[in-house]
PDB file of N, CA and C in Angstrom:
ATOM      1  N   UNK A   1      21.278  -4.717  17.249  1.00  0.00           N
ATOM      2  CA  UNK A   1      20.422  -3.552  17.074  1.00  0.00           C
ATOM      3  C   UNK A   1      20.427  -3.093  15.611  1.00  0.00           C
ATOM      4  N   UNK A   2      21.628  -3.058  15.015  1.00  0.00           N
ATOM      5  CA  UNK A   2      21.747  -2.640  13.634  1.00  0.00           C
ATOM      6  C   UNK A   2      20.974  -3.589  12.709  1.00  0.00           C
ATOM      7  N   UNK A   3      21.090  -4.884  12.994  1.00  0.00           N
ATOM      8  CA  UNK A   3      20.418  -5.886  12.173  1.00  0.00           C
ATOM      9  C   UNK A   3      18.894  -5.716  12.250  1.00  0.00           C
ATOM     10  N   UNK A   4      18.375  -5.452  13.435  1.00  0.00           N
ATOM     11  CA  UNK A   4      16.938  -5.252  13.607  1.00  0.00           C
ATOM     12  C   UNK A   4      16.466  -4.018  12.851  1.00  0.00           C
ATOM     13  N   UNK A   5      17.266  -2.961  12.888  1.00  0.00           N
ATOM     14  CA  UNK A   5      16.916  -1.725  12.194  1.00  0.00           C
ATOM     15  C   UNK A   5      16.817  -1.965  10.681  1.00  0.00           C
ATOM     16  N   UNK A   6      17.801  -2.659  10.121  1.00  0.00           N
ATOM     17  CA  UNK A   6      17.780  -2.936   8.689  1.00  0.00           C
ATOM     18  C   UNK A   6      16.656  -3.894   8.319  1.00  0.00           C
ATOM     19  N   UNK A   7      16.349  -4.830   9.195  1.00  0.00           N
ATOM     20  CA  UNK A   7      15.227  -5.738   8.944  1.00  0.00           C
ATOM     21  C   UNK A   7      13.918  -4.964   8.909  1.00  0.00           C
ATOM     22  N   UNK A   8      13.762  -4.020   9.809  1.00  0.00           N
ATOM     23  CA  UNK A   8      12.562  -3.191   9.864  1.00  0.00           C
ATOM     24  C   UNK A   8      12.430  -2.358   8.589  1.00  0.00           C
ATOM     25  N   UNK A   9      13.516  -1.784   8.132  1.00  0.00           N
ATOM     26  CA  UNK A   9      13.485  -0.989   6.906  1.00  0.00           C
ATOM     27  C   UNK A   9      13.135  -1.872   5.710  1.00  0.00           C
ATOM     28  N   UNK A  10      13.716  -3.052   5.654  1.00  0.00           N
ATOM     29  CA  UNK A  10      13.430  -3.965   4.545  1.00  0.00           C
ATOM     30  C   UNK A  10      11.948  -4.353   4.520  1.00  0.00           C
ATOM     31  N   UNK A  11      11.413  -4.748   5.656  1.00  0.00           N
ATOM     32  CA  UNK A  11      10.009  -5.153   5.740  1.00  0.00           C
ATOM     33  C   UNK A  11       9.104  -3.979   5.365  1.00  0.00           C
ATOM     34  N   UNK A  12       9.426  -2.794   5.837  1.00  0.00           N
ATOM     35  CA  UNK A  12       8.624  -1.611   5.510  1.00  0.00           C
ATOM     36  C   UNK A  12       8.632  -1.335   4.014  1.00  0.00           C
ATOM     37  N   UNK A  13       9.801  -1.458   3.396  1.00  0.00           N
ATOM     38  CA  UNK A  13       9.876  -1.184   1.959  1.00  0.00           C
ATOM     39  C   UNK A  13       9.109  -2.229   1.159  1.00  0.00           C
ATOM     40  N   UNK A  14       9.134  -3.482   1.597  1.00  0.00           N
ATOM     41  CA  UNK A  14       8.372  -4.528   0.917  1.00  0.00           C
ATOM     42  C   UNK A  14       6.880  -4.253   1.041  1.00  0.00           C
ATOM     43  N   UNK A  15       6.436  -3.873   2.216  1.00  0.00           N
ATOM     44  CA  UNK A  15       5.016  -3.572   2.413  1.00  0.00           C
ATOM     45  C   UNK A  15       4.579  -2.380   1.579  1.00  0.00           C
ATOM     46  N   UNK A  16       5.397  -1.352   1.528  1.00  0.00           N
ATOM     47  CA  UNK A  16       5.054  -0.183   0.723  1.00  0.00           C
ATOM     48  C   UNK A  16       5.015  -0.537  -0.753  1.00  0.00           C
ATOM     49  N   UNK A  17       5.947  -1.328  -1.199  1.00  0.00           N
ATOM     50  CA  UNK A  17       5.969  -1.737  -2.605  1.00  0.00           C
ATOM     51  C   UNK A  17       4.737  -2.567  -2.936  1.00  0.00           C
ATOM     52  N   UNK A  18       4.361  -3.456  -2.035  1.00  0.00           N
ATOM     53  CA  UNK A  18       3.186  -4.290  -2.265  1.00  0.00           C
ATOM     54  C   UNK A  18       1.930  -3.435  -2.333  1.00  0.00           C
ATOM     55  N   UNK A  19       1.784  -2.503  -1.408  1.00  0.00           N
ATOM     56  CA  UNK A  19       0.598  -1.650  -1.408  1.00  0.00           C
ATOM     57  C   UNK A  19       0.526  -0.821  -2.673  1.00  0.00           C
ATOM     58  N   UNK A  20       1.642  -0.331  -3.159  1.00  0.00           N
ATOM     59  CA  UNK A  20       1.647   0.447  -4.385  1.00  0.00           C
ATOM     60  C   UNK A  20       1.193  -0.386  -5.560  1.00  0.00           C
ATOM     61  N   UNK A  21       1.724  -1.588  -5.687  1.00  0.00           N
ATOM     62  CA  UNK A  21       1.355  -2.421  -6.824  1.00  0.00           C
ATOM     63  C   UNK A  21      -0.085  -2.908  -6.694  1.00  0.00           C
ATOM     64  N   UNK A  22      -0.551  -3.107  -5.471  1.00  0.00           N
ATOM     65  CA  UNK A  22      -1.918  -3.544  -5.227  1.00  0.00           C
ATOM     66  C   UNK A  22      -2.897  -2.475  -5.696  1.00  0.00           C
ATOM     67  N   UNK A  23      -2.673  -1.220  -5.306  1.00  0.00           N
ATOM     68  CA  UNK A  23      -3.581  -0.157  -5.721  1.00  0.00           C
ATOM     69  C   UNK A  23      -3.459   0.091  -7.214  1.00  0.00           C
ATOM     70  N   UNK A  24      -2.257  -0.096  -7.769  1.00  0.00           N
ATOM     71  CA  UNK A  24      -2.058   0.049  -9.204  1.00  0.00           C
ATOM     72  C   UNK A  24      -2.866  -1.002  -9.950  1.00  0.00           C
ATOM     73  N   UNK A  25      -2.890  -2.233  -9.411  1.00  0.00           N
ATOM     74  CA  UNK A  25      -3.660  -3.301 -10.036  1.00  0.00           C
ATOM     75  C   UNK A  25      -5.130  -2.932 -10.092  1.00  0.00           C
ATOM     76  N   UNK A  26      -5.676  -2.462  -8.984  1.00  0.00           N
ATOM     77  CA  UNK A  26      -7.089  -2.125  -8.962  1.00  0.00           C
ATOM     78  C   UNK A  26      -7.386  -0.929  -9.853  1.00  0.00           C
ATOM     79  N   UNK A  27      -6.459   0.005  -9.960  1.00  0.00           N
ATOM     80  CA  UNK A  27      -6.641   1.144 -10.839  1.00  0.00           C
ATOM     81  C   UNK A  27      -6.725   0.677 -12.287  1.00  0.00           C
ATOM     82  N   UNK A  28      -5.786  -0.191 -12.710  1.00  0.00           N
ATOM     83  CA  UNK A  28      -5.801  -0.692 -14.074  1.00  0.00           C
ATOM     84  C   UNK A  28      -7.016  -1.580 -14.316  1.00  0.00           C
ATOM     85  N   UNK A  29      -7.341  -2.389 -13.329  1.00  0.00           N
ATOM     86  CA  UNK A  29      -8.478  -3.297 -13.431  1.00  0.00           C
ATOM     87  C   UNK A  29      -9.762  -2.500 -13.621  1.00  0.00           C
ATOM     88  N   UNK A  30      -9.924  -1.449 -12.839  1.00  0.00           N
ATOM     89  CA  UNK A  30     -11.102  -0.601 -12.913  1.00  0.00           C
ATOM     90  C   UNK A  30     -11.161   0.120 -14.255  1.00  0.00           C
ATOM     91  N   UNK A  31     -10.028   0.663 -14.713  1.00  0.00           N
ATOM     92  CA  UNK A  31      -9.990   1.346 -16.005  1.00  0.00           C
ATOM     93  C   UNK A  31     -10.349   0.406 -17.141  1.00  0.00           C
ATOM     94  N   UNK A  32      -9.875  -0.817 -17.072  1.00  0.00           N
ATOM     95  CA  UNK A  32     -10.175  -1.803 -18.101  1.00  0.00           C
ATOM     96  C   UNK A  32     -11.685  -2.036 -18.184  1.00  0.00           C
ATOM     97  N   UNK A  33     -12.316  -2.206 -17.031  1.00  0.00           N
ATOM     98  CA  UNK A  33     -13.757  -2.449 -17.023  1.00  0.00           C
ATOM     99  C   UNK A  33     -14.541  -1.222 -17.482  1.00  0.00           C
ATOM    100  N   UNK A  34     -14.039  -0.040 -17.184  1.00  0.00           N
ATOM    101  CA  UNK A  34     -14.688   1.179 -17.680  1.00  0.00           C
ATOM    102  C   UNK A  34     -14.617   1.236 -19.202  1.00  0.00           C
ATOM    103  N   UNK A  35     -13.454   0.870 -19.760  1.00  0.00           N
ATOM    104  CA  UNK A  35     -13.315   0.841 -21.220  1.00  0.00           C
ATOM    105  C   UNK A  35     -14.255  -0.186 -21.836  1.00  0.00           C
ATOM    106  N   UNK A  36     -14.336  -1.359 -21.215  1.00  0.00           N
ATOM    107  CA  UNK A  36     -15.238  -2.402 -21.721  1.00  0.00           C
ATOM    108  C   UNK A  36     -16.682  -1.915 -21.736  1.00  0.00           C
ATOM    109  N   UNK A  37     -17.087  -1.283 -20.651  1.00  0.00           N
ATOM    110  CA  UNK A  37     -18.457  -0.786 -20.540  1.00  0.00           C
ATOM    111  C   UNK A  37     -18.734   0.285 -21.579  1.00  0.00           C
ATOM    112  N   UNK A  38     -17.831   1.249 -21.695  1.00  0.00           N
ATOM    113  CA  UNK A  38     -18.083   2.329 -22.649  1.00  0.00           C
ATOM    114  C   UNK A  38     -18.013   1.825 -24.093  1.00  0.00           C
ATOM    115  N   UNK A  39     -17.163   0.860 -24.374  1.00  0.00           N
ATOM    116  CA  UNK A  39     -17.126   0.254 -25.710  1.00  0.00           C
ATOM    117  C   UNK A  39     -18.463  -0.425 -26.000  1.00  0.00           C
ATOM    118  N   UNK A  40     -18.971  -1.161 -25.040  1.00  0.00           N
ATOM    119  CA  UNK A  40     -20.274  -1.829 -25.198  1.00  0.00           C
ATOM    120  C   UNK A  40     -21.402  -0.823 -25.408  1.00  0.00           C
ATOM    121  N   UNK A  41     -21.210   0.381 -24.856  1.00  0.00           N
ATOM    122  CA  UNK A  41     -22.226   1.426 -24.989  1.00  0.00           C
ATOM    123  C   UNK A  41     -22.030   2.284 -26.235  1.00  0.00           C
ATOM    124  N   UNK A  42     -21.092   1.894 -27.099  1.00  0.00           N
ATOM    125  CA  UNK A  42     -20.957   2.573 -28.376  1.00  0.00           C
ATOM    126  C   UNK A  42     -19.878   3.629 -28.477  1.00  0.00           C
ATOM    127  N   UNK A  43     -19.044   3.781 -27.456  1.00  0.00           N
ATOM    128  CA  UNK A  43     -17.944   4.742 -27.524  1.00  0.00           C
ATOM    129  C   UNK A  43     -16.773   4.066 -28.239  1.00  0.00           C
ATOM    130  N   UNK A  44     -16.702   4.295 -29.555  1.00  0.00           N
ATOM    131  CA  UNK A  44     -15.785   3.533 -30.392  1.00  0.00           C
ATOM    132  C   UNK A  44     -14.318   3.796 -30.090  1.00  0.00           C
ATOM    133  N   UNK A  45     -13.995   4.988 -29.600  1.00  0.00           N
ATOM    134  CA  UNK A  45     -12.595   5.262 -29.259  1.00  0.00           C
ATOM    135  C   UNK A  45     -12.146   4.317 -28.139  1.00  0.00           C
ATOM    136  N   UNK A  46     -13.031   4.005 -27.213  1.00  0.00           N
ATOM    137  CA  UNK A  46     -12.673   3.080 -26.140  1.00  0.00           C
ATOM    138  C   UNK A  46     -12.540   1.650 -26.659  1.00  0.00           C
ATOM    139  N   UNK A  47     -13.282   1.296 -27.708  1.00  0.00           N
ATOM    140  CA  UNK A  47     -13.074  -0.009 -28.357  1.00  0.00           C
ATOM    141  C   UNK A  47     -11.672  -0.042 -28.959  1.00  0.00           C
ATOM    142  N   UNK A  48     -11.286   1.054 -29.582  1.00  0.00           N
ATOM    143  CA  UNK A  48      -9.940   1.154 -30.154  1.00  0.00           C
ATOM    144  C   UNK A  48      -8.889   1.045 -29.048  1.00  0.00           C
ATOM    145  N   UNK A  49      -9.124   1.729 -27.929  1.00  0.00           N
ATOM    146  CA  UNK A  49      -8.176   1.664 -26.808  1.00  0.00           C
ATOM    147  C   UNK A  49      -8.052   0.251 -26.256  1.00  0.00           C
ATOM    148  N   UNK A  50      -9.144  -0.477 -26.197  1.00  0.00           N
ATOM    149  CA  UNK A  50      -9.083  -1.885 -25.775  1.00  0.00           C
ATOM    150  C   UNK A  50      -8.277  -2.703 -26.782  1.00  0.00           C
ATOM    151  N   UNK A  51      -8.470  -2.410 -28.055  1.00  0.00           N
ATOM    152  CA  UNK A  51      -7.670  -3.070 -29.078  1.00  0.00           C
ATOM    153  C   UNK A  51      -6.186  -2.823 -28.871  1.00  0.00           C
ATOM    154  N   UNK A  52      -5.842  -1.583 -28.558  1.00  0.00           N
ATOM    155  CA  UNK A  52      -4.438  -1.256 -28.278  1.00  0.00           C
ATOM    156  C   UNK A  52      -3.906  -2.026 -27.077  1.00  0.00           C
ATOM    157  N   UNK A  53      -4.724  -2.106 -26.028  1.00  0.00           N
ATOM    158  CA  UNK A  53      -4.297  -2.817 -24.827  1.00  0.00           C
ATOM    159  C   UNK A  53      -3.998  -4.283 -25.146  1.00  0.00           C
ATOM    160  N   UNK A  54      -4.899  -4.926 -25.864  1.00  0.00           N
ATOM    161  CA  UNK A  54      -4.690  -6.336 -26.209  1.00  0.00           C
ATOM    162  C   UNK A  54      -3.548  -6.510 -27.208  1.00  0.00           C
ATOM    163  N   UNK A  55      -3.439  -5.605 -28.147  1.00  0.00           N
ATOM    164  CA  UNK A  55      -2.383  -5.707 -29.153  1.00  0.00           C
ATOM    165  C   UNK A  55      -1.001  -5.613 -28.510  1.00  0.00           C
ATOM    166  N   UNK A  56      -0.863  -4.703 -27.554  1.00  0.00           N
ATOM    167  CA  UNK A  56       0.439  -4.455 -26.920  1.00  0.00           C
ATOM    168  C   UNK A  56       0.636  -5.213 -25.609  1.00  0.00           C
ATOM    169  N   UNK A  57      -0.409  -5.867 -25.114  1.00  0.00           N
ATOM    170  CA  UNK A  57      -0.296  -6.583 -23.848  1.00  0.00           C
ATOM    171  C   UNK A  57      -0.137  -5.660 -22.663  1.00  0.00           C
ATOM    172  N   UNK A  58      -0.845  -4.535 -22.673  1.00  0.00           N
ATOM    173  CA  UNK A  58      -0.764  -3.557 -21.587  1.00  0.00           C
ATOM    174  C   UNK A  58      -1.898  -3.821 -20.593  1.00  0.00           C
ATOM    175  N   UNK A  59      -1.536  -4.244 -19.408  1.00  0.00           N
ATOM    176  CA  UNK A  59      -2.476  -4.537 -18.308  1.00  0.00           C
ATOM    177  C   UNK A  59      -3.398  -5.722 -18.606  1.00  0.00           C
ATOM    178  N   UNK A  60      -3.182  -6.394 -19.716  1.00  0.00           N
ATOM    179  CA  UNK A  60      -3.898  -7.625 -20.071  1.00  0.00           C
ATOM    180  C   UNK A  60      -2.893  -8.527 -20.775  1.00  0.00           C
ATOM    181  N   UNK A  61      -3.232  -9.792 -20.867  1.00  0.00           N
ATOM    182  CA  UNK A  61      -2.374 -10.696 -21.637  1.00  0.00           C
ATOM    183  C   UNK A  61      -2.481 -10.326 -23.113  1.00  0.00           C
ATOM    184  N   UNK A  62      -1.358 -10.296 -23.793  1.00  0.00           N
ATOM    185  CA  UNK A  62      -1.374  -9.948 -25.207  1.00  0.00           C
ATOM    186  C   UNK A  62      -2.216 -10.956 -25.970  1.00  0.00           C
ATOM    187  N   UNK A  63      -3.135 -10.426 -26.789  1.00  0.00           N
ATOM    188  CA  UNK A  63      -4.037 -11.292 -27.541  1.00  0.00           C
ATOM    189  C   UNK A  63      -4.397 -10.566 -28.838  1.00  0.00           C
ATOM    190  N   UNK A  64      -3.722 -10.933 -29.905  1.00  0.00           N
ATOM    191  CA  UNK A  64      -3.911 -10.255 -31.197  1.00  0.00           C
ATOM    192  C   UNK A  64      -5.313 -10.505 -31.771  1.00  0.00           C
ATOM    193  N   UNK A  65      -5.899 -11.652 -31.463  1.00  0.00           N
ATOM    194  CA  UNK A  65      -7.247 -11.955 -31.960  1.00  0.00           C
ATOM    195  C   UNK A  65      -8.261 -11.007 -31.330  1.00  0.00           C
ATOM    196  N   UNK A  66      -8.197 -10.845 -30.012  1.00  0.00           N
ATOM    197  CA  UNK A  66      -9.108  -9.905 -29.350  1.00  0.00           C
ATOM    198  C   UNK A  66      -8.844  -8.475 -29.782  1.00  0.00           C
ATOM    199  N   UNK A  67      -7.572  -8.136 -29.966  1.00  0.00           N
ATOM    200  CA  UNK A  67      -7.227  -6.788 -30.427  1.00  0.00           C
ATOM    201  C   UNK A  67      -7.923  -6.511 -31.748  1.00  0.00           C
ATOM    202  N   UNK A  68      -7.835  -7.460 -32.660  1.00  0.00           N
ATOM    203  CA  UNK A  68      -8.444  -7.277 -33.981  1.00  0.00           C
ATOM    204  C   UNK A  68      -9.962  -7.153 -33.876  1.00  0.00           C
ATOM    205  N   UNK A  69     -10.576  -7.903 -32.969  1.00  0.00           N
ATOM    206  CA  UNK A  69     -12.032  -7.816 -32.784  1.00  0.00           C
ATOM    207  C   UNK A  69     -12.443  -6.421 -32.321  1.00  0.00           C
ATOM    208  N   UNK A  70     -11.680  -5.869 -31.364  1.00  0.00           N
ATOM    209  CA  UNK A  70     -12.005  -4.528 -30.877  1.00  0.00           C
ATOM    210  C   UNK A  70     -11.730  -3.479 -31.950  1.00  0.00           C
ATOM    211  N   UNK A  71     -10.623  -3.635 -32.680  1.00  0.00           N
ATOM    212  CA  UNK A  71     -10.338  -2.714 -33.784  1.00  0.00           C
ATOM    213  C   UNK A  71     -11.451  -2.779 -34.833  1.00  0.00           C
ATOM    214  N   UNK A  72     -11.907  -3.975 -35.150  1.00  0.00           N
ATOM    215  CA  UNK A  72     -12.956  -4.140 -36.155  1.00  0.00           C
ATOM    216  C   UNK A  72     -14.249  -3.479 -35.708  1.00  0.00           C
ATOM    217  N   UNK A  73     -14.586  -3.651 -34.451  1.00  0.00           N
ATOM    218  CA  UNK A  73     -15.812  -3.030 -33.937  1.00  0.00           C
ATOM    219  C   UNK A  73     -15.733  -1.511 -34.083  1.00  0.00           C
ATOM    220  N   UNK A  74     -14.588  -0.940 -33.737  1.00  0.00           N
ATOM    221  CA  UNK A  74     -14.418   0.507 -33.854  1.00  0.00           C
ATOM    222  C   UNK A  74     -14.387   0.935 -35.325  1.00  0.00           C
ATOM    223  N   UNK A  75     -13.702   0.177 -36.154  1.00  0.00           N
ATOM    224  CA  UNK A  75     -13.617   0.480 -37.591  1.00  0.00           C
ATOM    225  C   UNK A  75     -15.000   0.450 -38.226  1.00  0.00           C
ATOM    226  N   UNK A  76     -15.771  -0.590 -37.914  1.00  0.00           N
ATOM    227  CA  UNK A  76     -17.123  -0.719 -38.475  1.00  0.00           C
ATOM    228  C   UNK A  76     -18.021   0.438 -38.062  1.00  0.00           C
ATOM    229  N   UNK A  77     -17.665   1.102 -36.964  1.00  0.00           N
ATOM    230  CA  UNK A  77     -18.438   2.258 -36.502  1.00  0.00           C
ATOM    231  C   UNK A  77     -17.840   3.575 -36.985  1.00  0.00           C
ATOM    232  N   UNK A  78     -16.826   3.481 -37.863  1.00  0.00           N
ATOM    233  CA  UNK A  78     -16.282   4.684 -38.475  1.00  0.00           C
ATOM    234  C   UNK A  78     -15.038   5.266 -37.846  1.00  0.00           C
ATOM    235  N   UNK A  79     -14.393   4.546 -36.925  1.00  0.00           N
ATOM    236  CA  UNK A  79     -13.172   5.060 -36.292  1.00  0.00           C
ATOM    237  C   UNK A  79     -11.975   4.670 -37.163  1.00  0.00           C
ATOM    238  N   UNK A  80     -11.484   5.634 -37.938  1.00  0.00           N
ATOM    239  CA  UNK A  80     -10.478   5.406 -38.971  1.00  0.00           C
ATOM    240  C   UNK A  80      -9.182   4.793 -38.438  1.00  0.00           C
ATOM    241  N   UNK A  81      -8.720   5.219 -37.270  1.00  0.00           N
ATOM    242  CA  UNK A  81      -7.470   4.674 -36.713  1.00  0.00           C
ATOM    243  C   UNK A  81      -7.554   3.163 -36.525  1.00  0.00           C
ATOM    244  N   UNK A  82      -8.727   2.685 -36.182  1.00  0.00           N
ATOM    245  CA  UNK A  82      -8.907   1.240 -36.003  1.00  0.00           C
ATOM    246  C   UNK A  82      -8.831   0.515 -37.337  1.00  0.00           C
ATOM    247  N   UNK A  83      -9.348   1.137 -38.376  1.00  0.00           N
ATOM    248  CA  UNK A  83      -9.264   0.546 -39.719  1.00  0.00           C
ATOM    249  C   UNK A  83      -7.794   0.405 -40.122  1.00  0.00           C
ATOM    250  N   UNK A  84      -7.001   1.420 -39.804  1.00  0.00           N
ATOM    251  CA  UNK A  84      -5.569   1.361 -40.111  1.00  0.00           C
ATOM    252  C   UNK A  84      -4.873   0.290 -39.272  1.00  0.00           C
ATOM    253  N   UNK A  85      -5.279   0.163 -38.015  1.00  0.00           N
ATOM    254  CA  UNK A  85      -4.655  -0.822 -37.122  1.00  0.00           C
ATOM    255  C   UNK A  85      -4.914  -2.244 -37.607  1.00  0.00           C
ATOM    256  N   UNK A  86      -6.080  -2.479 -38.176  1.00  0.00           N
ATOM    257  CA  UNK A  86      -6.415  -3.820 -38.678  1.00  0.00           C
ATOM    258  C   UNK A  86      -5.492  -4.193 -39.834  1.00  0.00           C
ATOM    259  N   UNK A  87      -5.125  -3.206 -40.633  1.00  0.00           N
ATOM    260  CA  UNK A  87      -4.284  -3.473 -41.807  1.00  0.00           C
ATOM    261  C   UNK A  87      -2.855  -3.848 -41.445  1.00  0.00           C
ATOM    262  N   UNK A  88      -2.417  -3.502 -40.245  1.00  0.00           N
ATOM    263  CA  UNK A  88      -1.017  -3.771 -39.859  1.00  0.00           C
ATOM    264  C   UNK A  88      -0.901  -4.980 -39.019  1.00  0.00           C
TER     265      UNK A  88
END
């Protein structure tokens, strides 16, 4: 009986952990696409934020080349922080 109880708790905790990470994935995935869309529509701060995501590997695979492209797009549109990020 004790073994069954602990097995039930273990399975429940695994399912809860999976559901949490699953919804977290879709939340990050959705936010990423929102940033991409708004960057494409000229919101330069979101281009900078995408650059940060790629530079630091947050919710995407780290890619310094893409980071620099997003920073450059924002810099060329007058977003000073992106100009500084390109220099480093």
